[in-house]
Amino acid sequence: ALVGDSADGYPGIPGLGPKTAATLLNAHGPIERFPPQLLGERHDEALLYKKLATLVVDAPVLAQVDDLFWREAPSSFATLAQEIDPRLAARADRLRESATLSR
């Protein structure tokens, strides 16, 4: 969070490299416990980057793989697909028909 991660698209706090970040974390613990003046106006930004860098391990997951199969698009999709490209609407119809046949 402090040094950023270009692969994930968050910049980190300007002027803080890996060594400085490690020193700060060793001295103060998590960003939430940093003295307010330490990061100044960048404190909330650092907390946001920490949130973005944190892996969510308790996210809901599907009960079974079958939940991933295409069932059919909502009724509003047909109108939208027709506006975008009539071929898209036709493809959605074919998918719906093949899903119906495979049940």
PDB file of N, CA and C in Angstrom:
ATOM      1  N   ALA A   1       0.819  -1.196   0.000  1.00  0.00           N
ATOM      2  CA  ALA A   1       0.000   0.000   0.000  1.00  0.00           C
ATOM      3  C   ALA A   1       0.863   1.261   0.000  1.00  0.00           C
ATOM      4  N   LEU A   2       1.946   1.229   0.733  1.00  0.00           N
ATOM      5  CA  LEU A   2       2.786   2.423   0.844  1.00  0.00           C
ATOM      6  C   LEU A   2       3.646   2.642  -0.389  1.00  0.00           C
ATOM      7  N   VAL A   3       4.160   1.558  -0.968  1.00  0.00           N
ATOM      8  CA  VAL A   3       5.045   1.697  -2.129  1.00  0.00           C
ATOM      9  C   VAL A   3       4.312   1.543  -3.453  1.00  0.00           C
ATOM     10  N   GLY A   4       3.072   1.057  -3.422  1.00  0.00           N
ATOM     11  CA  GLY A   4       2.295   0.916  -4.642  1.00  0.00           C
ATOM     12  C   GLY A   4       2.583  -0.380  -5.363  1.00  0.00           C
ATOM     13  N   ASP A   5       1.832  -0.595  -6.411  1.00  0.00           N
ATOM     14  CA  ASP A   5       1.981  -1.784  -7.234  1.00  0.00           C
ATOM     15  C   ASP A   5       1.511  -1.441  -8.639  1.00  0.00           C
ATOM     16  N   SER A   6       2.458  -1.255  -9.538  1.00  0.00           N
ATOM     17  CA  SER A   6       2.098  -0.846 -10.902  1.00  0.00           C
ATOM     18  C   SER A   6       1.274  -1.916 -11.617  1.00  0.00           C
ATOM     19  N   ALA A   7       1.499  -3.185 -11.294  1.00  0.00           N
ATOM     20  CA  ALA A   7       0.739  -4.252 -11.945  1.00  0.00           C
ATOM     21  C   ALA A   7      -0.732  -4.195 -11.561  1.00  0.00           C
ATOM     22  N   ASP A   8      -1.028  -3.776 -10.338  1.00  0.00           N
ATOM     23  CA  ASP A   8      -2.413  -3.692  -9.888  1.00  0.00           C
ATOM     24  C   ASP A   8      -2.986  -2.292 -10.019  1.00  0.00           C
ATOM     25  N   GLY A   9      -2.154  -1.324 -10.391  1.00  0.00           N
ATOM     26  CA  GLY A   9      -2.651  -0.004 -10.740  1.00  0.00           C
ATOM     27  C   GLY A   9      -2.830   0.985  -9.607  1.00  0.00           C
ATOM     28  N   TYR A  10      -2.187   0.788  -8.477  1.00  0.00           N
ATOM     29  CA  TYR A  10      -2.240   1.840  -7.456  1.00  0.00           C
ATOM     30  C   TYR A  10      -0.823   2.334  -7.202  1.00  0.00           C
ATOM     31  N   PRO A  11      -0.675   3.651  -7.099  1.00  0.00           N
ATOM     32  CA  PRO A  11       0.662   4.259  -7.126  1.00  0.00           C
ATOM     33  C   PRO A  11       1.438   4.231  -5.819  1.00  0.00           C
ATOM     34  N   GLY A  12       0.799   4.077  -4.694  1.00  0.00           N
ATOM     35  CA  GLY A  12       1.511   4.180  -3.430  1.00  0.00           C
ATOM     36  C   GLY A  12       1.718   5.639  -3.056  1.00  0.00           C
ATOM     37  N   ILE A  13       2.436   5.853  -1.971  1.00  0.00           N
ATOM     38  CA  ILE A  13       2.671   7.200  -1.463  1.00  0.00           C
ATOM     39  C   ILE A  13       3.975   7.733  -2.052  1.00  0.00           C
ATOM     40  N   PRO A  14       3.926   8.869  -2.746  1.00  0.00           N
ATOM     41  CA  PRO A  14       5.143   9.424  -3.352  1.00  0.00           C
ATOM     42  C   PRO A  14       6.247   9.622  -2.312  1.00  0.00           C
ATOM     43  N   GLY A  15       7.444   9.237  -2.689  1.00  0.00           N
ATOM     44  CA  GLY A  15       8.600   9.427  -1.822  1.00  0.00           C
ATOM     45  C   GLY A  15       8.871   8.280  -0.868  1.00  0.00           C
ATOM     46  N   LEU A  16       7.968   7.304  -0.815  1.00  0.00           N
ATOM     47  CA  LEU A  16       8.183   6.150   0.058  1.00  0.00           C
ATOM     48  C   LEU A  16       8.591   4.946  -0.771  1.00  0.00           C
ATOM     49  N   GLY A  17       9.803   4.488  -0.538  1.00  0.00           N
ATOM     50  CA  GLY A  17      10.269   3.280  -1.196  1.00  0.00           C
ATOM     51  C   GLY A  17      10.141   2.096  -0.255  1.00  0.00           C
ATOM     52  N   PRO A  18      10.575   0.934  -0.706  1.00  0.00           N
ATOM     53  CA  PRO A  18      10.440  -0.283   0.104  1.00  0.00           C
ATOM     54  C   PRO A  18      11.153  -0.198   1.460  1.00  0.00           C
ATOM     55  N   LYS A  19      12.354   0.374   1.490  1.00  0.00           N
ATOM     56  CA  LYS A  19      13.101   0.438   2.754  1.00  0.00           C
ATOM     57  C   LYS A  19      12.414   1.362   3.753  1.00  0.00           C
ATOM     58  N   THR A  20      11.987   2.534   3.290  1.00  0.00           N
ATOM     59  CA  THR A  20      11.302   3.473   4.185  1.00  0.00           C
ATOM     60  C   THR A  20       9.983   2.889   4.659  1.00  0.00           C
ATOM     61  N   ALA A  21       9.250   2.263   3.770  1.00  0.00           N
ATOM     62  CA  ALA A  21       7.971   1.656   4.147  1.00  0.00           C
ATOM     63  C   ALA A  21       8.188   0.576   5.202  1.00  0.00           C
ATOM     64  N   ALA A  22       9.204  -0.273   5.010  1.00  0.00           N
ATOM     65  CA  ALA A  22       9.491  -1.326   5.986  1.00  0.00           C
ATOM     66  C   ALA A  22       9.869  -0.733   7.336  1.00  0.00           C
ATOM     67  N   THR A  23      10.648   0.327   7.322  1.00  0.00           N
ATOM     68  CA  THR A  23      11.045   0.991   8.570  1.00  0.00           C
ATOM     69  C   THR A  23       9.821   1.533   9.300  1.00  0.00           C
ATOM     70  N   LEU A  24       8.932   2.196   8.559  1.00  0.00           N
ATOM     71  CA  LEU A  24       7.722   2.754   9.161  1.00  0.00           C
ATOM     72  C   LEU A  24       6.819   1.658   9.732  1.00  0.00           C
ATOM     73  N   LEU A  25       6.651   0.592   8.984  1.00  0.00           N
ATOM     74  CA  LEU A  25       5.800  -0.502   9.447  1.00  0.00           C
ATOM     75  C   LEU A  25       6.393  -1.198  10.667  1.00  0.00           C
ATOM     76  N   ASN A  26       7.712  -1.354  10.693  1.00  0.00           N
ATOM     77  CA  ASN A  26       8.358  -1.959  11.860  1.00  0.00           C
ATOM     78  C   ASN A  26       8.244  -1.061  13.088  1.00  0.00           C
ATOM     79  N   ALA A  27       8.291   0.228  12.881  1.00  0.00           N
ATOM     80  CA  ALA A  27       8.247   1.173  13.998  1.00  0.00           C
ATOM     81  C   ALA A  27       6.834   1.388  14.531  1.00  0.00           C
ATOM     82  N   HIS A  28       5.844   1.405  13.639  1.00  0.00           N
ATOM     83  CA  HIS A  28       4.492   1.805  14.045  1.00  0.00           C
ATOM     84  C   HIS A  28       3.434   0.719  13.899  1.00  0.00           C
ATOM     85  N   GLY A  29       3.734  -0.344  13.203  1.00  0.00           N
ATOM     86  CA  GLY A  29       2.728  -1.371  12.953  1.00  0.00           C
ATOM     87  C   GLY A  29       1.897  -1.005  11.735  1.00  0.00           C
ATOM     88  N   PRO A  30       0.651  -1.479  11.665  1.00  0.00           N
ATOM     89  CA  PRO A  30      -0.187  -1.225  10.489  1.00  0.00           C
ATOM     90  C   PRO A  30      -0.433   0.266  10.263  1.00  0.00           C
ATOM     91  N   ILE A  31      -0.772   0.606   9.055  1.00  0.00           N
ATOM     92  CA  ILE A  31      -1.004   2.009   8.672  1.00  0.00           C
ATOM     93  C   ILE A  31      -2.023   2.674   9.599  1.00  0.00           C
ATOM     94  N   GLU A  32      -2.999   1.925  10.041  1.00  0.00           N
ATOM     95  CA  GLU A  32      -4.027   2.481  10.926  1.00  0.00           C
ATOM     96  C   GLU A  32      -3.429   3.041  12.226  1.00  0.00           C
ATOM     97  N   ARG A  33      -2.262   2.540  12.620  1.00  0.00           N
ATOM     98  CA  ARG A  33      -1.639   3.001  13.869  1.00  0.00           C
ATOM     99  C   ARG A  33      -0.544   4.045  13.651  1.00  0.00           C
ATOM    100  N   PHE A  34      -0.342   4.453  12.403  1.00  0.00           N
ATOM    101  CA  PHE A  34       0.655   5.505  12.146  1.00  0.00           C
ATOM    102  C   PHE A  34       0.211   6.798  12.828  1.00  0.00           C
ATOM    103  N   PRO A  35       1.143   7.553  13.405  1.00  0.00           N
ATOM    104  CA  PRO A  35       0.772   8.873  13.931  1.00  0.00           C
ATOM    105  C   PRO A  35       0.198   9.726  12.796  1.00  0.00           C
ATOM    106  N   PRO A  36      -0.852  10.496  13.067  1.00  0.00           N
ATOM    107  CA  PRO A  36      -1.525  11.270  12.008  1.00  0.00           C
ATOM    108  C   PRO A  36      -0.580  12.152  11.196  1.00  0.00           C
ATOM    109  N   GLN A  37       0.411  12.747  11.838  1.00  0.00           N
ATOM    110  CA  GLN A  37       1.310  13.657  11.136  1.00  0.00           C
ATOM    111  C   GLN A  37       2.311  12.915  10.236  1.00  0.00           C
ATOM    112  N   LEU A  38       2.454  11.623  10.411  1.00  0.00           N
ATOM    113  CA  LEU A  38       3.457  10.865   9.659  1.00  0.00           C
ATOM    114  C   LEU A  38       3.189  10.898   8.158  1.00  0.00           C
ATOM    115  N   LEU A  39       1.979  10.638   7.756  1.00  0.00           N
ATOM    116  CA  LEU A  39       1.629  10.671   6.330  1.00  0.00           C
ATOM    117  C   LEU A  39       0.831  11.919   5.968  1.00  0.00           C
ATOM    118  N   GLY A  40       0.420  12.665   6.963  1.00  0.00           N
ATOM    119  CA  GLY A  40      -0.320  13.901   6.717  1.00  0.00           C
ATOM    120  C   GLY A  40      -1.570  13.660   5.895  1.00  0.00           C
ATOM    121  N   GLU A  41      -1.717  14.452   4.844  1.00  0.00           N
ATOM    122  CA  GLU A  41      -2.896  14.370   3.983  1.00  0.00           C
ATOM    123  C   GLU A  41      -2.974  13.055   3.206  1.00  0.00           C
ATOM    124  N   ARG A  42      -1.890  12.320   3.175  1.00  0.00           N
ATOM    125  CA  ARG A  42      -1.834  11.066   2.409  1.00  0.00           C
ATOM    126  C   ARG A  42      -2.301   9.854   3.219  1.00  0.00           C
ATOM    127  N   HIS A  43      -2.652  10.053   4.486  1.00  0.00           N
ATOM    128  CA  HIS A  43      -3.040   8.928   5.342  1.00  0.00           C
ATOM    129  C   HIS A  43      -4.245   8.170   4.778  1.00  0.00           C
ATOM    130  N   ASP A  44      -5.300   8.894   4.408  1.00  0.00           N
ATOM    131  CA  ASP A  44      -6.496   8.241   3.850  1.00  0.00           C
ATOM    132  C   ASP A  44      -6.177   7.536   2.533  1.00  0.00           C
ATOM    133  N   GLU A  45      -5.290   8.146   1.761  1.00  0.00           N
ATOM    134  CA  GLU A  45      -4.867   7.539   0.496  1.00  0.00           C
ATOM    135  C   GLU A  45      -4.154   6.208   0.768  1.00  0.00           C
ATOM    136  N   ALA A  46      -3.282   6.193   1.762  1.00  0.00           N
ATOM    137  CA  ALA A  46      -2.567   4.961   2.117  1.00  0.00           C
ATOM    138  C   ALA A  46      -3.538   3.880   2.560  1.00  0.00           C
ATOM    139  N   LEU A  47      -4.568   4.262   3.313  1.00  0.00           N
ATOM    140  CA  LEU A  47      -5.573   3.281   3.734  1.00  0.00           C
ATOM    141  C   LEU A  47      -6.340   2.718   2.541  1.00  0.00           C
ATOM    142  N   LEU A  48      -6.631   3.576   1.572  1.00  0.00           N
ATOM    143  CA  LEU A  48      -7.303   3.106   0.358  1.00  0.00           C
ATOM    144  C   LEU A  48      -6.422   2.105  -0.380  1.00  0.00           C
ATOM    145  N   TYR A  49      -5.131   2.428  -0.529  1.00  0.00           N
ATOM    146  CA  TYR A  49      -4.222   1.515  -1.223  1.00  0.00           C
ATOM    147  C   TYR A  49      -4.091   0.196  -0.468  1.00  0.00           C
ATOM    148  N   LYS A  50      -4.131   0.266   0.852  1.00  0.00           N
ATOM    149  CA  LYS A  50      -4.071  -0.964   1.645  1.00  0.00           C
ATOM    150  C   LYS A  50      -5.307  -1.816   1.361  1.00  0.00           C
ATOM    151  N   LYS A  51      -6.464  -1.169   1.307  1.00  0.00           N
ATOM    152  CA  LYS A  51      -7.701  -1.902   1.021  1.00  0.00           C
ATOM    153  C   LYS A  51      -7.626  -2.550  -0.364  1.00  0.00           C
ATOM    154  N   LEU A  52      -7.090  -1.815  -1.338  1.00  0.00           N
ATOM    155  CA  LEU A  52      -6.972  -2.356  -2.695  1.00  0.00           C
ATOM    156  C   LEU A  52      -5.981  -3.516  -2.758  1.00  0.00           C
ATOM    157  N   ALA A  53      -4.963  -3.489  -1.908  1.00  0.00           N
ATOM    158  CA  ALA A  53      -3.921  -4.516  -1.932  1.00  0.00           C
ATOM    159  C   ALA A  53      -4.282  -5.746  -1.110  1.00  0.00           C
ATOM    160  N   THR A  54      -5.340  -5.656  -0.323  1.00  0.00           N
ATOM    161  CA  THR A  54      -5.706  -6.755   0.574  1.00  0.00           C
ATOM    162  C   THR A  54      -6.547  -7.788  -0.161  1.00  0.00           C
ATOM    163  N   LEU A  55      -6.116  -9.029  -0.095  1.00  0.00           N
ATOM    164  CA  LEU A  55      -6.882 -10.108  -0.702  1.00  0.00           C
ATOM    165  C   LEU A  55      -8.086 -10.429   0.175  1.00  0.00           C
ATOM    166  N   VAL A  56      -9.222 -10.558  -0.444  1.00  0.00           N
ATOM    167  CA  VAL A  56     -10.447 -10.900   0.274  1.00  0.00           C
ATOM    168  C   VAL A  56     -10.539 -12.419   0.320  1.00  0.00           C
ATOM    169  N   VAL A  57     -10.512 -12.973   1.521  1.00  0.00           N
ATOM    170  CA  VAL A  57     -10.548 -14.427   1.651  1.00  0.00           C
ATOM    171  C   VAL A  57     -11.917 -14.938   2.084  1.00  0.00           C
ATOM    172  N   ASP A  58     -12.822 -14.037   2.428  1.00  0.00           N
ATOM    173  CA  ASP A  58     -14.137 -14.470   2.870  1.00  0.00           C
ATOM    174  C   ASP A  58     -15.241 -14.085   1.881  1.00  0.00           C
ATOM    175  N   ALA A  59     -14.860 -13.869   0.623  1.00  0.00           N
ATOM    176  CA  ALA A  59     -15.839 -13.522  -0.399  1.00  0.00           C
ATOM    177  C   ALA A  59     -16.737 -14.731  -0.673  1.00  0.00           C
ATOM    178  N   PRO A  60     -18.010 -14.487  -0.930  1.00  0.00           N
ATOM    179  CA  PRO A  60     -18.894 -15.618  -1.219  1.00  0.00           C
ATOM    180  C   PRO A  60     -18.477 -16.296  -2.527  1.00  0.00           C
ATOM    181  N   VAL A  61     -18.557 -17.591  -2.536  1.00  0.00           N
ATOM    182  CA  VAL A  61     -18.229 -18.359  -3.736  1.00  0.00           C
ATOM    183  C   VAL A  61     -19.438 -19.199  -4.120  1.00  0.00           C
ATOM    184  N   LEU A  62     -19.414 -19.683  -5.333  1.00  0.00           N
ATOM    185  CA  LEU A  62     -20.526 -20.500  -5.815  1.00  0.00           C
ATOM    186  C   LEU A  62     -20.523 -21.857  -5.122  1.00  0.00           C
ATOM    187  N   ALA A  63     -21.681 -22.380  -4.911  1.00  0.00           N
ATOM    188  CA  ALA A  63     -21.810 -23.682  -4.257  1.00  0.00           C
ATOM    189  C   ALA A  63     -21.383 -24.811  -5.194  1.00  0.00           C
ATOM    190  N   GLN A  64     -21.622 -24.619  -6.493  1.00  0.00           N
ATOM    191  CA  GLN A  64     -21.276 -25.661  -7.454  1.00  0.00           C
ATOM    192  C   GLN A  64     -20.953 -25.039  -8.807  1.00  0.00           C
ATOM    193  N   VAL A  65     -20.186 -25.744  -9.591  1.00  0.00           N
ATOM    194  CA  VAL A  65     -19.748 -25.251 -10.898  1.00  0.00           C
ATOM    195  C   VAL A  65     -20.928 -25.026 -11.833  1.00  0.00           C
ATOM    196  N   ASP A  66     -21.955 -25.793 -11.693  1.00  0.00           N
ATOM    197  CA  ASP A  66     -23.127 -25.647 -12.562  1.00  0.00           C
ATOM    198  C   ASP A  66     -23.724 -24.253 -12.496  1.00  0.00           C
ATOM    199  N   ASP A  67     -23.485 -23.536 -11.399  1.00  0.00           N
ATOM    200  CA  ASP A  67     -24.000 -22.170 -11.277  1.00  0.00           C
ATOM    201  C   ASP A  67     -23.380 -21.223 -12.299  1.00  0.00           C
ATOM    202  N   LEU A  68     -22.281 -21.624 -12.924  1.00  0.00           N
ATOM    203  CA  LEU A  68     -21.606 -20.785 -13.911  1.00  0.00           C
ATOM    204  C   LEU A  68     -22.178 -20.934 -15.317  1.00  0.00           C
ATOM    205  N   PHE A  69     -22.966 -21.976 -15.563  1.00  0.00           N
ATOM    206  CA  PHE A  69     -23.488 -22.212 -16.895  1.00  0.00           C
ATOM    207  C   PHE A  69     -24.488 -21.137 -17.296  1.00  0.00           C
ATOM    208  N   TRP A  70     -24.454 -20.803 -18.573  1.00  0.00           N
ATOM    209  CA  TRP A  70     -25.384 -19.825 -19.143  1.00  0.00           C
ATOM    210  C   TRP A  70     -26.793 -20.380 -19.049  1.00  0.00           C
ATOM    211  N   ARG A  71     -27.666 -19.623 -18.496  1.00  0.00           N
ATOM    212  CA  ARG A  71     -29.072 -20.026 -18.438  1.00  0.00           C
ATOM    213  C   ARG A  71     -29.825 -19.266 -19.526  1.00  0.00           C
ATOM    214  N   GLU A  72     -29.944 -17.996 -19.347  1.00  0.00           N
ATOM    215  CA  GLU A  72     -30.446 -17.119 -20.398  1.00  0.00           C
ATOM    216  C   GLU A  72     -30.317 -15.682 -19.920  1.00  0.00           C
ATOM    217  N   ALA A  73     -30.290 -14.794 -20.898  1.00  0.00           N
ATOM    218  CA  ALA A  73     -30.149 -13.375 -20.576  1.00  0.00           C
ATOM    219  C   ALA A  73     -31.458 -12.817 -20.046  1.00  0.00           C
ATOM    220  N   PRO A  74     -31.396 -11.753 -19.268  1.00  0.00           N
ATOM    221  CA  PRO A  74     -32.647 -11.110 -18.844  1.00  0.00           C
ATOM    222  C   PRO A  74     -33.377 -10.563 -20.060  1.00  0.00           C
ATOM    223  N   SER A  75     -34.664 -10.363 -19.927  1.00  0.00           N
ATOM    224  CA  SER A  75     -35.473  -9.919 -21.063  1.00  0.00           C
ATOM    225  C   SER A  75     -34.994  -8.582 -21.620  1.00  0.00           C
ATOM    226  N   SER A  76     -34.428  -7.734 -20.796  1.00  0.00           N
ATOM    227  CA  SER A  76     -33.952  -6.433 -21.268  1.00  0.00           C
ATOM    228  C   SER A  76     -32.749  -6.556 -22.202  1.00  0.00           C
ATOM    229  N   PHE A  77     -32.065  -7.704 -22.167  1.00  0.00           N
ATOM    230  CA  PHE A  77     -30.888  -7.877 -23.001  1.00  0.00           C
ATOM    231  C   PHE A  77     -31.227  -7.890 -24.488  1.00  0.00           C
ATOM    232  N   ALA A  78     -32.352  -8.465 -24.856  1.00  0.00           N
ATOM    233  CA  ALA A  78     -32.730  -8.576 -26.268  1.00  0.00           C
ATOM    234  C   ALA A  78     -32.814  -7.197 -26.921  1.00  0.00           C
ATOM    235  N   THR A  79     -33.435  -6.258 -26.232  1.00  0.00           N
ATOM    236  CA  THR A  79     -33.564  -4.902 -26.774  1.00  0.00           C
ATOM    237  C   THR A  79     -32.196  -4.245 -26.905  1.00  0.00           C
ATOM    238  N   LEU A  80     -31.387  -4.374 -25.868  1.00  0.00           N
ATOM    239  CA  LEU A  80     -30.049  -3.788 -25.893  1.00  0.00           C
ATOM    240  C   LEU A  80     -29.199  -4.416 -26.991  1.00  0.00           C
ATOM    241  N   ALA A  81     -29.237  -5.733 -27.097  1.00  0.00           N
ATOM    242  CA  ALA A  81     -28.455  -6.438 -28.114  1.00  0.00           C
ATOM    243  C   ALA A  81     -28.875  -5.998 -29.512  1.00  0.00           C
ATOM    244  N   GLN A  82     -30.152  -5.826 -29.740  1.00  0.00           N
ATOM    245  CA  GLN A  82     -30.657  -5.393 -31.043  1.00  0.00           C
ATOM    246  C   GLN A  82     -30.133  -4.005 -31.385  1.00  0.00           C
ATOM    247  N   GLU A  83     -30.083  -3.119 -30.372  1.00  0.00           N
ATOM    248  CA  GLU A  83     -29.572  -1.764 -30.598  1.00  0.00           C
ATOM    249  C   GLU A  83     -28.076  -1.777 -30.905  1.00  0.00           C
ATOM    250  N   ILE A  84     -27.338  -2.634 -30.225  1.00  0.00           N
ATOM    251  CA  ILE A  84     -25.882  -2.680 -30.422  1.00  0.00           C
ATOM    252  C   ILE A  84     -25.554  -3.268 -31.784  1.00  0.00           C
ATOM    253  N   ASP A  85     -26.118  -4.439 -32.054  1.00  0.00           N
ATOM    254  CA  ASP A  85     -25.832  -5.130 -33.308  1.00  0.00           C
ATOM    255  C   ASP A  85     -26.824  -6.284 -33.443  1.00  0.00           C
ATOM    256  N   PRO A  86     -27.616  -6.302 -34.480  1.00  0.00           N
ATOM    257  CA  PRO A  86     -28.601  -7.380 -34.654  1.00  0.00           C
ATOM    258  C   PRO A  86     -27.973  -8.779 -34.612  1.00  0.00           C
ATOM    259  N   ARG A  87     -26.706  -8.886 -35.027  1.00  0.00           N
ATOM    260  CA  ARG A  87     -26.047 -10.201 -34.982  1.00  0.00           C
ATOM    261  C   ARG A  87     -25.866 -10.675 -33.541  1.00  0.00           C
ATOM    262  N   LEU A  88     -25.658  -9.727 -32.628  1.00  0.00           N
ATOM    263  CA  LEU A  88     -25.529 -10.071 -31.212  1.00  0.00           C
ATOM    264  C   LEU A  88     -26.848 -10.628 -30.689  1.00  0.00           C
ATOM    265  N   ALA A  89     -27.953 -10.013 -31.074  1.00  0.00           N
ATOM    266  CA  ALA A  89     -29.274 -10.500 -30.656  1.00  0.00           C
ATOM    267  C   ALA A  89     -29.511 -11.909 -31.195  1.00  0.00           C
ATOM    268  N   ALA A  90     -29.139 -12.143 -32.441  1.00  0.00           N
ATOM    269  CA  ALA A  90     -29.323 -13.470 -33.041  1.00  0.00           C
ATOM    270  C   ALA A  90     -28.458 -14.506 -32.315  1.00  0.00           C
ATOM    271  N   ARG A  91     -27.245 -14.126 -31.969  1.00  0.00           N
ATOM    272  CA  ARG A  91     -26.356 -15.047 -31.251  1.00  0.00           C
ATOM    273  C   ARG A  91     -26.928 -15.384 -29.876  1.00  0.00           C
ATOM    274  N   ALA A  92     -27.451 -14.398 -29.188  1.00  0.00           N
ATOM    275  CA  ALA A  92     -28.060 -14.635 -27.873  1.00  0.00           C
ATOM    276  C   ALA A  92     -29.246 -15.581 -28.002  1.00  0.00           C
ATOM    277  N   ASP A  93     -30.028 -15.412 -29.062  1.00  0.00           N
ATOM    278  CA  ASP A  93     -31.157 -16.316 -29.299  1.00  0.00           C
ATOM    279  C   ASP A  93     -30.677 -17.750 -29.503  1.00  0.00           C
ATOM    280  N   ARG A  94     -29.611 -17.916 -30.304  1.00  0.00           N
ATOM    281  CA  ARG A  94     -29.071 -19.263 -30.533  1.00  0.00           C
ATOM    282  C   ARG A  94     -28.568 -19.880 -29.229  1.00  0.00           C
ATOM    283  N   LEU A  95     -27.909 -19.089 -28.397  1.00  0.00           N
ATOM    284  CA  LEU A  95     -27.428 -19.587 -27.106  1.00  0.00           C
ATOM    285  C   LEU A  95     -28.590 -20.020 -26.210  1.00  0.00           C
ATOM    286  N   ARG A  96     -29.633 -19.202 -26.217  1.00  0.00           N
ATOM    287  CA  ARG A  96     -30.811 -19.537 -25.410  1.00  0.00           C
ATOM    288  C   ARG A  96     -31.433 -20.847 -25.886  1.00  0.00           C
ATOM    289  N   GLU A  97     -31.529 -20.989 -27.207  1.00  0.00           N
ATOM    290  CA  GLU A  97     -32.112 -22.215 -27.764  1.00  0.00           C
ATOM    291  C   GLU A  97     -31.254 -23.441 -27.436  1.00  0.00           C
ATOM    292  N   SER A  98     -29.950 -23.326 -27.565  1.00  0.00           N
ATOM    293  CA  SER A  98     -29.085 -24.481 -27.270  1.00  0.00           C
ATOM    294  C   SER A  98     -29.103 -24.804 -25.780  1.00  0.00           C
ATOM    295  N   ALA A  99     -29.241 -23.803 -24.930  1.00  0.00           N
ATOM    296  CA  ALA A  99     -29.329 -24.055 -23.480  1.00  0.00           C
ATOM    297  C   ALA A  99     -30.624 -24.759 -23.147  1.00  0.00           C
ATOM    298  N   THR A 100     -31.706 -24.399 -23.848  1.00  0.00           N
ATOM    299  CA  THR A 100     -32.997 -25.039 -23.628  1.00  0.00           C
ATOM    300  C   THR A 100     -32.955 -26.493 -24.063  1.00  0.00           C
ATOM    301  N   LEU A 101     -32.294 -26.761 -25.199  1.00  0.00           N
ATOM    302  CA  LEU A 101     -32.205 -28.132 -25.702  1.00  0.00           C
ATOM    303  C   LEU A 101     -31.355 -29.029 -24.801  1.00  0.00           C
ATOM    304  N   SER A 102     -30.341 -28.464 -24.155  1.00  0.00           N
ATOM    305  CA  SER A 102     -29.440 -29.280 -23.345  1.00  0.00           C
ATOM    306  C   SER A 102     -29.979 -29.556 -21.947  1.00  0.00           C
ATOM    307  N   ARG A 103     -31.111 -28.986 -21.596  1.00  0.00           N
ATOM    308  CA  ARG A 103     -31.681 -29.234 -20.250  1.00  0.00           C
ATOM    309  C   ARG A 103     -32.381 -30.526 -20.169  1.00  0.00           C
TER     310      ARG A 103
END
